[in-house]
Amino acid sequence: MTRKALSAAQLALLDAAGRGDADAVRAALARGADPGTRDADGRTPLLRAALADHVAVARVLVAAGADVNARDDRQDSPWLATGVTGSVAMMRALLPGGPDVTLTNRFGGVSVIPASERGHVAYVRAVLAETGIDVNHVNRLGWTALLEAVILGDGGGTHQAVVEVLLAAGADPLLPDADGVTARAHAERRGFEGIAGVLRAAER
């Protein structure tokens, strides 16, 4: 995608956001830099801040009207980035900006899905409790957050905790993947006995 050359203020804003320098971000904004400025990869200052978990910078940018849903060339957005990083503080910093919790990444997943895969227990709990995100959303691979936690997780205590949080929030244990295989069946195949036991109990 061809983009216009950036002004000194815009470049300073992008750099400051990526470094986590909230004062420099304020200065760049005061010089007229647009919070919607994009770098060569389509990343806004807010996305740069979200990826690096610079919460103070994110608060400044959100207050300045930065779009929490603006996606880059890879279809990542500040909101979606929180599911990857697992930062509850960043998630909460973005909430005043009105995140679209139905927004999907390049795999067709909402933020709770990558968070479940990565074992971000606190994030999964918070995003389910504090937003209307769909716990049973199915991505392009045919996986829900529950399926992803089992299929791509390591079967340990952290992923078991994610499974328990998802189930408590209404995740359907009987919703299968695109091949008709349930989360419990995947857990049993992989030898994840603890998770399989939790899922068996949830199926009753």
N, C-alpha and C. Protein backbone atom coordinates (compact mmCIF):
# COMPACT_ATOMS: atom_id res chain seq x y z
N MET A 1 0.84 -1.18 0.00
CA MET A 1 0.00 0.00 0.00
C MET A 1 0.89 1.25 0.00
N THR A 2 0.64 2.18 -0.92
CA THR A 2 1.41 3.40 -0.99
C THR A 2 0.90 4.39 0.04
N ARG A 3 1.84 4.99 0.80
CA ARG A 3 1.45 5.96 1.82
C ARG A 3 2.23 7.24 1.61
N LYS A 4 1.63 8.36 2.02
CA LYS A 4 2.28 9.65 1.90
C LYS A 4 3.48 9.73 2.84
N ALA A 5 4.44 10.56 2.47
CA ALA A 5 5.59 10.80 3.34
C ALA A 5 5.10 11.42 4.64
N LEU A 6 5.69 11.01 5.74
CA LEU A 6 5.26 11.49 7.03
C LEU A 6 6.02 12.75 7.44
N SER A 7 5.33 13.60 8.19
CA SER A 7 5.96 14.80 8.70
C SER A 7 6.85 14.46 9.88
N ALA A 8 7.66 15.42 10.30
CA ALA A 8 8.54 15.20 11.45
C ALA A 8 7.73 14.89 12.70
N ALA A 9 6.60 15.54 12.86
CA ALA A 9 5.76 15.30 14.04
C ALA A 9 5.16 13.90 14.01
N GLN A 10 4.75 13.47 12.83
CA GLN A 10 4.19 12.12 12.71
C GLN A 10 5.24 11.05 13.00
N LEU A 11 6.44 11.25 12.47
CA LEU A 11 7.54 10.31 12.73
C LEU A 11 7.89 10.29 14.21
N ALA A 12 7.88 11.45 14.82
CA ALA A 12 8.18 11.54 16.25
C ALA A 12 7.11 10.82 17.07
N LEU A 13 5.87 10.94 16.65
CA LEU A 13 4.77 10.28 17.35
C LEU A 13 4.91 8.76 17.28
N LEU A 14 5.16 8.25 16.09
CA LEU A 14 5.34 6.81 15.93
C LEU A 14 6.51 6.30 16.76
N ASP A 15 7.60 7.02 16.72
CA ASP A 15 8.79 6.61 17.46
C ASP A 15 8.54 6.64 18.97
N ALA A 16 7.93 7.70 19.44
CA ALA A 16 7.67 7.84 20.87
C ALA A 16 6.71 6.77 21.37
N ALA A 17 5.70 6.46 20.57
CA ALA A 17 4.74 5.42 20.96
C ALA A 17 5.42 4.08 21.08
N GLY A 18 6.29 3.78 20.11
CA GLY A 18 6.99 2.50 20.14
C GLY A 18 7.97 2.39 21.29
N ARG A 19 8.54 3.53 21.72
CA ARG A 19 9.49 3.55 22.82
C ARG A 19 8.82 3.61 24.18
N GLY A 20 7.54 4.00 24.19
CA GLY A 20 6.84 4.12 25.46
C GLY A 20 7.04 5.44 26.16
N ASP A 21 7.35 6.48 25.40
CA ASP A 21 7.60 7.80 25.96
C ASP A 21 6.32 8.64 25.88
N ALA A 22 5.56 8.63 26.97
CA ALA A 22 4.27 9.32 26.98
C ALA A 22 4.42 10.83 26.82
N ASP A 23 5.47 11.41 27.43
CA ASP A 23 5.67 12.85 27.30
C ASP A 23 5.97 13.24 25.86
N ALA A 24 6.78 12.44 25.18
CA ALA A 24 7.09 12.72 23.78
C ALA A 24 5.86 12.53 22.90
N VAL A 25 5.01 11.59 23.26
CA VAL A 25 3.75 11.40 22.53
C VAL A 25 2.89 12.65 22.67
N ARG A 26 2.77 13.15 23.88
CA ARG A 26 1.98 14.37 24.10
C ARG A 26 2.56 15.54 23.29
N ALA A 27 3.89 15.64 23.27
CA ALA A 27 4.53 16.73 22.54
C ALA A 27 4.26 16.63 21.04
N ALA A 28 4.33 15.42 20.51
CA ALA A 28 4.08 15.23 19.07
C ALA A 28 2.63 15.55 18.73
N LEU A 29 1.72 15.16 19.60
CA LEU A 29 0.31 15.48 19.38
C LEU A 29 0.09 16.98 19.44
N ALA A 30 0.76 17.64 20.36
CA ALA A 30 0.64 19.10 20.48
C ALA A 30 1.18 19.80 19.24
N ARG A 31 2.12 19.16 18.55
CA ARG A 31 2.68 19.72 17.31
C ARG A 31 1.80 19.42 16.11
N GLY A 32 0.69 18.76 16.35
CA GLY A 32 -0.28 18.51 15.27
C GLY A 32 -0.23 17.13 14.65
N ALA A 33 0.54 16.20 15.24
CA ALA A 33 0.60 14.85 14.69
C ALA A 33 -0.75 14.17 14.84
N ASP A 34 -1.17 13.51 13.79
CA ASP A 34 -2.45 12.79 13.78
C ASP A 34 -2.30 11.47 14.52
N PRO A 35 -3.16 11.18 15.52
CA PRO A 35 -3.09 9.89 16.21
C PRO A 35 -3.31 8.71 15.27
N GLY A 36 -3.91 8.97 14.10
CA GLY A 36 -4.14 7.91 13.13
C GLY A 36 -3.00 7.71 12.15
N THR A 37 -1.88 8.37 12.38
CA THR A 37 -0.69 8.20 11.54
C THR A 37 -0.31 6.72 11.44
N ARG A 38 0.15 6.31 10.26
CA ARG A 38 0.54 4.91 10.06
C ARG A 38 1.97 4.83 9.55
N ASP A 39 2.66 3.77 10.02
CA ASP A 39 4.02 3.53 9.54
C ASP A 39 3.98 2.71 8.25
N ALA A 40 5.13 2.25 7.80
CA ALA A 40 5.21 1.53 6.53
C ALA A 40 4.44 0.22 6.54
N ASP A 41 4.18 -0.32 7.72
CA ASP A 41 3.42 -1.57 7.85
C ASP A 41 1.96 -1.34 8.20
N GLY A 42 1.54 -0.08 8.18
CA GLY A 42 0.16 0.24 8.48
C GLY A 42 -0.15 0.30 9.97
N ARG A 43 0.89 0.27 10.79
CA ARG A 43 0.67 0.31 12.24
C ARG A 43 0.51 1.74 12.73
N THR A 44 -0.50 1.96 13.51
CA THR A 44 -0.71 3.26 14.13
C THR A 44 0.16 3.38 15.38
N PRO A 45 0.31 4.59 15.91
CA PRO A 45 1.03 4.74 17.18
C PRO A 45 0.41 3.89 18.29
N LEU A 46 -0.91 3.79 18.31
CA LEU A 46 -1.56 3.01 19.35
C LEU A 46 -1.27 1.52 19.21
N LEU A 47 -1.22 1.02 18.00
CA LEU A 47 -0.88 -0.38 17.81
C LEU A 47 0.56 -0.63 18.23
N ARG A 48 1.45 0.28 17.91
CA ARG A 48 2.83 0.13 18.36
C ARG A 48 2.90 0.07 19.89
N ALA A 49 2.15 0.94 20.52
CA ALA A 49 2.14 0.97 21.99
C ALA A 49 1.54 -0.30 22.56
N ALA A 50 0.46 -0.77 21.94
CA ALA A 50 -0.21 -1.98 22.44
C ALA A 50 0.68 -3.20 22.33
N LEU A 51 1.39 -3.32 21.22
CA LEU A 51 2.26 -4.48 21.02
C LEU A 51 3.40 -4.51 22.03
N ALA A 52 3.85 -3.33 22.46
CA ALA A 52 4.95 -3.25 23.42
C ALA A 52 4.45 -3.07 24.85
N ASP A 53 3.15 -3.06 25.04
CA ASP A 53 2.51 -2.92 26.35
C ASP A 53 2.90 -1.61 27.05
N HIS A 54 2.91 -0.53 26.29
CA HIS A 54 3.15 0.79 26.86
C HIS A 54 1.80 1.40 27.24
N VAL A 55 1.34 1.07 28.43
CA VAL A 55 -0.02 1.42 28.85
C VAL A 55 -0.21 2.92 28.99
N ALA A 56 0.76 3.61 29.58
CA ALA A 56 0.62 5.06 29.76
C ALA A 56 0.49 5.77 28.41
N VAL A 57 1.25 5.32 27.43
CA VAL A 57 1.16 5.89 26.08
C VAL A 57 -0.22 5.62 25.50
N ALA A 58 -0.71 4.41 25.68
CA ALA A 58 -2.03 4.06 25.14
C ALA A 58 -3.12 4.95 25.73
N ARG A 59 -3.02 5.24 27.02
CA ARG A 59 -4.04 6.10 27.65
C ARG A 59 -4.03 7.49 27.02
N VAL A 60 -2.83 8.01 26.76
CA VAL A 60 -2.73 9.33 26.12
C VAL A 60 -3.34 9.30 24.73
N LEU A 61 -3.02 8.28 23.96
CA LEU A 61 -3.51 8.19 22.59
C LEU A 61 -5.02 7.97 22.54
N VAL A 62 -5.54 7.13 23.41
CA VAL A 62 -6.99 6.91 23.44
C VAL A 62 -7.71 8.21 23.79
N ALA A 63 -7.18 8.94 24.76
CA ALA A 63 -7.78 10.22 25.14
C ALA A 63 -7.73 11.22 23.98
N ALA A 64 -6.74 11.05 23.10
CA ALA A 64 -6.60 11.95 21.94
C ALA A 64 -7.45 11.50 20.76
N GLY A 65 -8.19 10.41 20.93
CA GLY A 65 -9.08 9.94 19.87
C GLY A 65 -8.53 8.86 18.97
N ALA A 66 -7.42 8.23 19.36
CA ALA A 66 -6.85 7.15 18.54
C ALA A 66 -7.84 6.00 18.41
N ASP A 67 -7.87 5.39 17.25
CA ASP A 67 -8.80 4.31 16.94
C ASP A 67 -8.27 2.97 17.47
N VAL A 68 -8.96 2.41 18.44
CA VAL A 68 -8.51 1.14 19.04
C VAL A 68 -8.76 -0.04 18.10
N ASN A 69 -9.50 0.20 17.04
CA ASN A 69 -9.84 -0.88 16.10
C ASN A 69 -9.09 -0.80 14.77
N ALA A 70 -8.21 0.19 14.61
CA ALA A 70 -7.51 0.38 13.33
C ALA A 70 -6.56 -0.77 13.07
N ARG A 71 -6.77 -1.46 11.96
CA ARG A 71 -5.95 -2.63 11.64
C ARG A 71 -4.80 -2.28 10.70
N ASP A 72 -3.70 -3.00 10.89
CA ASP A 72 -2.53 -2.78 10.04
C ASP A 72 -2.58 -3.71 8.83
N ASP A 73 -1.49 -3.82 8.12
CA ASP A 73 -1.47 -4.62 6.91
C ASP A 73 -1.60 -6.12 7.18
N ARG A 74 -1.35 -6.53 8.43
CA ARG A 74 -1.50 -7.94 8.81
C ARG A 74 -2.85 -8.20 9.50
N GLN A 75 -3.73 -7.20 9.49
CA GLN A 75 -5.05 -7.29 10.11
C GLN A 75 -4.99 -7.32 11.64
N ASP A 76 -3.89 -6.84 12.21
CA ASP A 76 -3.80 -6.67 13.66
C ASP A 76 -4.31 -5.28 14.02
N SER A 77 -4.88 -5.17 15.21
CA SER A 77 -5.34 -3.88 15.73
C SER A 77 -4.86 -3.75 17.16
N PRO A 78 -4.93 -2.55 17.74
CA PRO A 78 -4.55 -2.42 19.15
C PRO A 78 -5.35 -3.38 20.04
N TRP A 79 -6.65 -3.47 19.80
CA TRP A 79 -7.46 -4.37 20.62
C TRP A 79 -7.06 -5.83 20.43
N LEU A 80 -6.90 -6.25 19.19
CA LEU A 80 -6.51 -7.64 18.94
C LEU A 80 -5.14 -7.95 19.53
N ALA A 81 -4.26 -6.95 19.57
CA ALA A 81 -2.93 -7.16 20.13
C ALA A 81 -2.98 -7.56 21.59
N THR A 82 -4.00 -7.09 22.31
CA THR A 82 -4.08 -7.44 23.73
C THR A 82 -4.29 -8.94 23.94
N GLY A 83 -4.95 -9.59 22.99
CA GLY A 83 -5.14 -11.03 23.10
C GLY A 83 -3.84 -11.79 22.91
N VAL A 84 -2.92 -11.20 22.16
CA VAL A 84 -1.62 -11.82 21.93
C VAL A 84 -0.69 -11.57 23.12
N THR A 85 -0.66 -10.33 23.59
CA THR A 85 0.23 -10.01 24.71
C THR A 85 -0.33 -10.49 26.05
N GLY A 86 -1.65 -10.55 26.14
CA GLY A 86 -2.28 -10.95 27.40
C GLY A 86 -2.28 -9.86 28.45
N SER A 87 -2.10 -8.62 28.04
CA SER A 87 -2.03 -7.52 28.99
C SER A 87 -3.42 -7.04 29.40
N VAL A 88 -3.76 -7.32 30.65
CA VAL A 88 -5.05 -6.87 31.17
C VAL A 88 -5.05 -5.35 31.31
N ALA A 89 -3.93 -4.79 31.72
CA ALA A 89 -3.83 -3.33 31.87
C ALA A 89 -4.06 -2.63 30.54
N MET A 90 -3.46 -3.15 29.47
CA MET A 90 -3.67 -2.56 28.15
C MET A 90 -5.11 -2.74 27.70
N MET A 91 -5.67 -3.91 27.94
CA MET A 91 -7.06 -4.15 27.58
C MET A 91 -7.95 -3.09 28.21
N ARG A 92 -7.73 -2.82 29.49
CA ARG A 92 -8.56 -1.85 30.20
C ARG A 92 -8.28 -0.42 29.74
N ALA A 93 -7.04 -0.15 29.34
CA ALA A 93 -6.71 1.18 28.82
C ALA A 93 -7.42 1.46 27.51
N LEU A 94 -7.71 0.40 26.75
CA LEU A 94 -8.37 0.57 25.45
C LEU A 94 -9.90 0.60 25.55
N LEU A 95 -10.45 0.12 26.63
CA LEU A 95 -11.91 0.05 26.76
C LEU A 95 -12.61 1.40 26.56
N PRO A 96 -12.07 2.52 27.07
CA PRO A 96 -12.73 3.80 26.82
C PRO A 96 -12.80 4.18 25.35
N GLY A 97 -11.98 3.56 24.53
CA GLY A 97 -11.99 3.84 23.09
C GLY A 97 -13.04 3.06 22.32
N GLY A 98 -13.83 2.25 23.02
CA GLY A 98 -14.91 1.50 22.37
C GLY A 98 -14.45 0.41 21.44
N PRO A 99 -13.67 -0.54 21.93
CA PRO A 99 -13.20 -1.62 21.05
C PRO A 99 -14.34 -2.46 20.48
N ASP A 100 -14.17 -2.86 19.24
CA ASP A 100 -15.13 -3.77 18.60
C ASP A 100 -14.67 -5.19 18.92
N VAL A 101 -15.35 -5.83 19.87
CA VAL A 101 -14.91 -7.15 20.32
C VAL A 101 -15.24 -8.24 19.31
N THR A 102 -15.95 -7.89 18.25
CA THR A 102 -16.22 -8.85 17.17
C THR A 102 -15.15 -8.79 16.08
N LEU A 103 -14.25 -7.82 16.18
CA LEU A 103 -13.20 -7.67 15.18
C LEU A 103 -12.30 -8.92 15.19
N THR A 104 -11.93 -9.38 14.00
CA THR A 104 -11.15 -10.62 13.91
C THR A 104 -9.77 -10.39 13.30
N ASN A 105 -8.83 -11.25 13.66
CA ASN A 105 -7.48 -11.20 13.11
C ASN A 105 -7.44 -11.94 11.78
N ARG A 106 -6.25 -12.11 11.23
CA ARG A 106 -6.13 -12.73 9.91
C ARG A 106 -6.54 -14.20 9.91
N PHE A 107 -6.67 -14.79 11.09
CA PHE A 107 -7.13 -16.17 11.20
C PHE A 107 -8.63 -16.25 11.49
N GLY A 108 -9.27 -15.09 11.52
CA GLY A 108 -10.71 -15.07 11.79
C GLY A 108 -11.05 -15.21 13.26
N GLY A 109 -10.10 -14.94 14.13
CA GLY A 109 -10.34 -15.11 15.56
C GLY A 109 -10.48 -13.80 16.30
N VAL A 110 -11.35 -13.78 17.32
CA VAL A 110 -11.46 -12.63 18.21
C VAL A 110 -10.36 -12.75 19.27
N SER A 111 -10.16 -11.69 20.05
CA SER A 111 -8.98 -11.60 20.90
C SER A 111 -8.86 -12.71 21.94
N VAL A 112 -9.98 -13.27 22.39
CA VAL A 112 -9.91 -14.30 23.43
C VAL A 112 -9.30 -15.60 22.90
N ILE A 113 -9.31 -15.80 21.59
CA ILE A 113 -8.78 -17.05 21.03
C ILE A 113 -7.26 -17.12 21.13
N PRO A 114 -6.50 -16.15 20.62
CA PRO A 114 -5.05 -16.23 20.81
C PRO A 114 -4.65 -16.17 22.29
N ALA A 115 -5.43 -15.46 23.08
CA ALA A 115 -5.12 -15.40 24.52
C ALA A 115 -5.25 -16.78 25.15
N SER A 116 -6.23 -17.54 24.73
CA SER A 116 -6.43 -18.89 25.26
C SER A 116 -5.31 -19.81 24.80
N GLU A 117 -4.92 -19.68 23.56
CA GLU A 117 -3.81 -20.49 23.04
C GLU A 117 -2.54 -20.26 23.83
N ARG A 118 -2.29 -19.00 24.18
CA ARG A 118 -1.04 -18.64 24.85
C ARG A 118 -1.09 -18.83 26.37
N GLY A 119 -2.25 -19.18 26.89
CA GLY A 119 -2.36 -19.42 28.33
C GLY A 119 -2.43 -18.16 29.17
N HIS A 120 -2.99 -17.09 28.60
CA HIS A 120 -3.12 -15.84 29.33
C HIS A 120 -4.38 -15.89 30.21
N VAL A 121 -4.27 -16.56 31.33
CA VAL A 121 -5.44 -16.82 32.18
C VAL A 121 -6.10 -15.52 32.64
N ALA A 122 -5.32 -14.59 33.17
CA ALA A 122 -5.89 -13.36 33.70
C ALA A 122 -6.60 -12.56 32.60
N TYR A 123 -6.02 -12.54 31.42
CA TYR A 123 -6.66 -11.82 30.31
C TYR A 123 -7.96 -12.49 29.90
N VAL A 124 -7.94 -13.80 29.77
CA VAL A 124 -9.15 -14.53 29.37
C VAL A 124 -10.26 -14.25 30.37
N ARG A 125 -9.92 -14.31 31.64
CA ARG A 125 -10.92 -14.06 32.68
C ARG A 125 -11.46 -12.63 32.58
N ALA A 126 -10.57 -11.67 32.41
CA ALA A 126 -10.97 -10.26 32.39
C ALA A 126 -11.79 -9.91 31.15
N VAL A 127 -11.33 -10.35 29.99
CA VAL A 127 -12.04 -9.96 28.76
C VAL A 127 -13.42 -10.58 28.70
N LEU A 128 -13.57 -11.78 29.26
CA LEU A 128 -14.89 -12.41 29.30
C LEU A 128 -15.81 -11.73 30.31
N ALA A 129 -15.23 -11.27 31.40
CA ALA A 129 -16.04 -10.65 32.46
C ALA A 129 -16.39 -9.19 32.14
N GLU A 130 -15.52 -8.50 31.41
CA GLU A 130 -15.67 -7.06 31.25
C GLU A 130 -16.13 -6.61 29.88
N THR A 131 -16.28 -7.54 28.95
CA THR A 131 -16.77 -7.20 27.61
C THR A 131 -17.82 -8.22 27.19
N GLY A 132 -18.42 -7.97 26.06
CA GLY A 132 -19.41 -8.91 25.54
C GLY A 132 -18.84 -9.85 24.51
N ILE A 133 -17.55 -10.13 24.58
CA ILE A 133 -16.90 -10.98 23.58
C ILE A 133 -17.53 -12.37 23.57
N ASP A 134 -17.63 -12.96 22.40
CA ASP A 134 -18.28 -14.27 22.22
C ASP A 134 -17.30 -15.39 22.56
N VAL A 135 -17.58 -16.08 23.66
CA VAL A 135 -16.69 -17.15 24.10
C VAL A 135 -16.71 -18.34 23.14
N ASN A 136 -17.76 -18.45 22.33
CA ASN A 136 -17.88 -19.57 21.40
C ASN A 136 -17.63 -19.17 19.94
N HIS A 137 -16.98 -18.04 19.73
CA HIS A 137 -16.66 -17.62 18.37
C HIS A 137 -15.77 -18.68 17.71
N VAL A 138 -16.04 -18.96 16.44
CA VAL A 138 -15.28 -19.95 15.69
C VAL A 138 -14.42 -19.24 14.64
N ASN A 139 -13.11 -19.52 14.63
CA ASN A 139 -12.24 -18.87 13.65
C ASN A 139 -12.21 -19.64 12.33
N ARG A 140 -11.38 -19.19 11.41
CA ARG A 140 -11.35 -19.81 10.08
C ARG A 140 -10.82 -21.23 10.10
N LEU A 141 -10.12 -21.59 11.14
CA LEU A 141 -9.61 -22.95 11.27
C LEU A 141 -10.67 -23.90 11.84
N GLY A 142 -11.81 -23.31 12.23
CA GLY A 142 -12.87 -24.12 12.82
C GLY A 142 -12.69 -24.30 14.32
N TRP A 143 -11.92 -23.41 14.95
CA TRP A 143 -11.61 -23.55 16.36
C TRP A 143 -12.21 -22.42 17.19
N THR A 144 -12.73 -22.80 18.35
CA THR A 144 -13.14 -21.83 19.37
C THR A 144 -11.94 -21.59 20.28
N ALA A 145 -12.09 -20.69 21.23
CA ALA A 145 -11.03 -20.46 22.23
C ALA A 145 -10.77 -21.74 23.00
N LEU A 146 -11.82 -22.48 23.32
CA LEU A 146 -11.67 -23.74 24.07
C LEU A 146 -10.86 -24.75 23.27
N LEU A 147 -11.21 -24.91 22.01
CA LEU A 147 -10.47 -25.84 21.16
C LEU A 147 -9.02 -25.41 21.00
N GLU A 148 -8.80 -24.11 20.84
CA GLU A 148 -7.44 -23.63 20.63
C GLU A 148 -6.58 -23.83 21.88
N ALA A 149 -7.18 -23.66 23.05
CA ALA A 149 -6.45 -23.87 24.30
C ALA A 149 -5.97 -25.31 24.42
N VAL A 150 -6.76 -26.24 23.88
CA VAL A 150 -6.40 -27.65 23.96
C VAL A 150 -5.46 -28.04 22.81
N ILE A 151 -5.81 -27.64 21.61
CA ILE A 151 -5.06 -28.06 20.43
C ILE A 151 -3.66 -27.44 20.39
N LEU A 152 -3.56 -26.17 20.77
CA LEU A 152 -2.27 -25.48 20.69
C LEU A 152 -1.62 -25.25 22.05
N GLY A 153 -2.31 -25.63 23.11
CA GLY A 153 -1.74 -25.50 24.45
C GLY A 153 -0.83 -26.65 24.78
N ASP A 154 -0.22 -26.58 25.97
CA ASP A 154 0.73 -27.63 26.36
C ASP A 154 0.14 -28.63 27.36
N GLY A 155 -1.14 -28.44 27.68
CA GLY A 155 -1.80 -29.40 28.57
C GLY A 155 -1.49 -29.22 30.04
N GLY A 156 -0.71 -28.20 30.38
CA GLY A 156 -0.32 -27.98 31.77
C GLY A 156 -1.36 -27.23 32.57
N GLY A 157 -0.96 -26.85 33.77
CA GLY A 157 -1.88 -26.20 34.68
C GLY A 157 -2.42 -24.87 34.18
N THR A 158 -1.59 -24.12 33.47
CA THR A 158 -2.03 -22.83 32.96
C THR A 158 -3.14 -23.00 31.93
N HIS A 159 -2.94 -23.91 30.99
CA HIS A 159 -3.98 -24.12 29.99
C HIS A 159 -5.22 -24.79 30.58
N GLN A 160 -5.02 -25.59 31.60
CA GLN A 160 -6.20 -26.16 32.28
C GLN A 160 -7.00 -25.04 32.94
N ALA A 161 -6.31 -24.07 33.52
CA ALA A 161 -7.00 -22.94 34.13
C ALA A 161 -7.76 -22.14 33.09
N VAL A 162 -7.17 -21.97 31.91
CA VAL A 162 -7.86 -21.28 30.82
C VAL A 162 -9.13 -22.03 30.45
N VAL A 163 -9.02 -23.35 30.32
CA VAL A 163 -10.19 -24.17 29.99
C VAL A 163 -11.28 -23.98 31.04
N GLU A 164 -10.91 -23.97 32.30
CA GLU A 164 -11.89 -23.82 33.37
C GLU A 164 -12.56 -22.44 33.32
N VAL A 165 -11.79 -21.41 33.04
CA VAL A 165 -12.35 -20.07 32.93
C VAL A 165 -13.32 -19.99 31.74
N LEU A 166 -12.92 -20.55 30.62
CA LEU A 166 -13.78 -20.54 29.43
C LEU A 166 -15.10 -21.27 29.70
N LEU A 167 -15.01 -22.41 30.33
CA LEU A 167 -16.22 -23.18 30.63
C LEU A 167 -17.13 -22.42 31.58
N ALA A 168 -16.55 -21.79 32.58
CA ALA A 168 -17.34 -21.02 33.54
C ALA A 168 -18.05 -19.85 32.87
N ALA A 169 -17.45 -19.36 31.77
CA ALA A 169 -18.03 -18.23 31.04
C ALA A 169 -19.02 -18.68 29.96
N GLY A 170 -19.27 -19.97 29.86
CA GLY A 170 -20.26 -20.46 28.91
C GLY A 170 -19.72 -21.11 27.66
N ALA A 171 -18.43 -21.42 27.62
CA ALA A 171 -17.89 -22.12 26.45
C ALA A 171 -18.58 -23.48 26.31
N ASP A 172 -18.94 -23.84 25.09
CA ASP A 172 -19.64 -25.10 24.82
C ASP A 172 -18.62 -26.22 24.63
N PRO A 173 -18.54 -27.15 25.58
CA PRO A 173 -17.55 -28.22 25.45
C PRO A 173 -17.85 -29.20 24.33
N LEU A 174 -19.08 -29.19 23.85
CA LEU A 174 -19.48 -30.14 22.80
C LEU A 174 -19.36 -29.56 21.40
N LEU A 175 -18.95 -28.29 21.30
CA LEU A 175 -18.80 -27.67 19.98
C LEU A 175 -17.52 -28.20 19.35
N PRO A 176 -17.61 -28.98 18.27
CA PRO A 176 -16.42 -29.62 17.68
C PRO A 176 -15.69 -28.72 16.70
N ASP A 177 -14.52 -29.17 16.29
CA ASP A 177 -13.79 -28.46 15.25
C ASP A 177 -14.38 -28.80 13.88
N ALA A 178 -13.73 -28.34 12.83
CA ALA A 178 -14.26 -28.55 11.48
C ALA A 178 -14.31 -30.01 11.08
N ASP A 179 -13.55 -30.85 11.79
CA ASP A 179 -13.54 -32.29 11.50
C ASP A 179 -14.45 -33.08 12.44
N GLY A 180 -15.21 -32.36 13.27
CA GLY A 180 -16.14 -33.03 14.17
C GLY A 180 -15.51 -33.53 15.46
N VAL A 181 -14.30 -33.08 15.78
CA VAL A 181 -13.60 -33.55 16.98
C VAL A 181 -13.78 -32.53 18.10
N THR A 182 -14.21 -32.98 19.25
CA THR A 182 -14.44 -32.08 20.39
C THR A 182 -13.13 -31.77 21.13
N ALA A 183 -13.20 -30.79 21.99
CA ALA A 183 -12.03 -30.42 22.80
C ALA A 183 -11.60 -31.59 23.68
N ARG A 184 -12.57 -32.31 24.25
CA ARG A 184 -12.22 -33.45 25.11
C ARG A 184 -11.50 -34.52 24.31
N ALA A 185 -11.98 -34.81 23.12
CA ALA A 185 -11.33 -35.82 22.29
C ALA A 185 -9.89 -35.41 21.96
N HIS A 186 -9.69 -34.12 21.67
CA HIS A 186 -8.34 -33.64 21.42
C HIS A 186 -7.47 -33.81 22.66
N ALA A 187 -8.03 -33.47 23.82
CA ALA A 187 -7.28 -33.58 25.07
C ALA A 187 -6.89 -35.04 25.34
N GLU A 188 -7.81 -35.95 25.10
CA GLU A 188 -7.53 -37.37 25.33
C GLU A 188 -6.46 -37.88 24.36
N ARG A 189 -6.54 -37.46 23.11
CA ARG A 189 -5.56 -37.87 22.11
C ARG A 189 -4.15 -37.40 22.47
N ARG A 190 -4.08 -36.23 23.11
CA ARG A 190 -2.78 -35.65 23.43
C ARG A 190 -2.31 -36.05 24.83
N GLY A 191 -3.11 -36.81 25.54
CA GLY A 191 -2.71 -37.26 26.86
C GLY A 191 -2.83 -36.20 27.94
N PHE A 192 -3.69 -35.22 27.71
CA PHE A 192 -3.90 -34.16 28.69
C PHE A 192 -5.01 -34.60 29.66
N GLU A 193 -4.68 -35.47 30.58
CA GLU A 193 -5.70 -36.08 31.42
C GLU A 193 -6.43 -35.08 32.31
N GLY A 194 -5.68 -34.10 32.84
CA GLY A 194 -6.33 -33.10 33.69
C GLY A 194 -7.39 -32.32 32.95
N ILE A 195 -7.04 -31.85 31.77
CA ILE A 195 -7.99 -31.09 30.95
C ILE A 195 -9.12 -31.98 30.47
N ALA A 196 -8.80 -33.20 30.08
CA ALA A 196 -9.84 -34.13 29.63
C ALA A 196 -10.86 -34.36 30.74
N GLY A 197 -10.37 -34.48 31.97
CA GLY A 197 -11.27 -34.70 33.10
C GLY A 197 -12.20 -33.51 33.32
N VAL A 198 -11.65 -32.31 33.20
CA VAL A 198 -12.47 -31.10 33.34
C VAL A 198 -13.54 -31.07 32.26
N LEU A 199 -13.16 -31.43 31.06
CA LEU A 199 -14.10 -31.38 29.93
C LEU A 199 -15.15 -32.49 30.03
N ARG A 200 -14.75 -33.64 30.52
CA ARG A 200 -15.74 -34.72 30.72
C ARG A 200 -16.81 -34.29 31.71
N ALA A 201 -16.37 -33.64 32.78
CA ALA A 201 -17.30 -33.18 33.79
C ALA A 201 -18.24 -32.12 33.22
N ALA A 202 -17.71 -31.27 32.36
CA ALA A 202 -18.52 -30.21 31.77
C ALA A 202 -19.55 -30.74 30.77
N GLU A 203 -19.28 -31.90 30.20
CA GLU A 203 -20.18 -32.47 29.20
C GLU A 203 -21.40 -33.14 29.84
N ARG A 204 -21.34 -33.39 31.12
CA ARG A 204 -22.45 -34.11 31.77
C ARG A 204 -23.67 -33.21 31.96
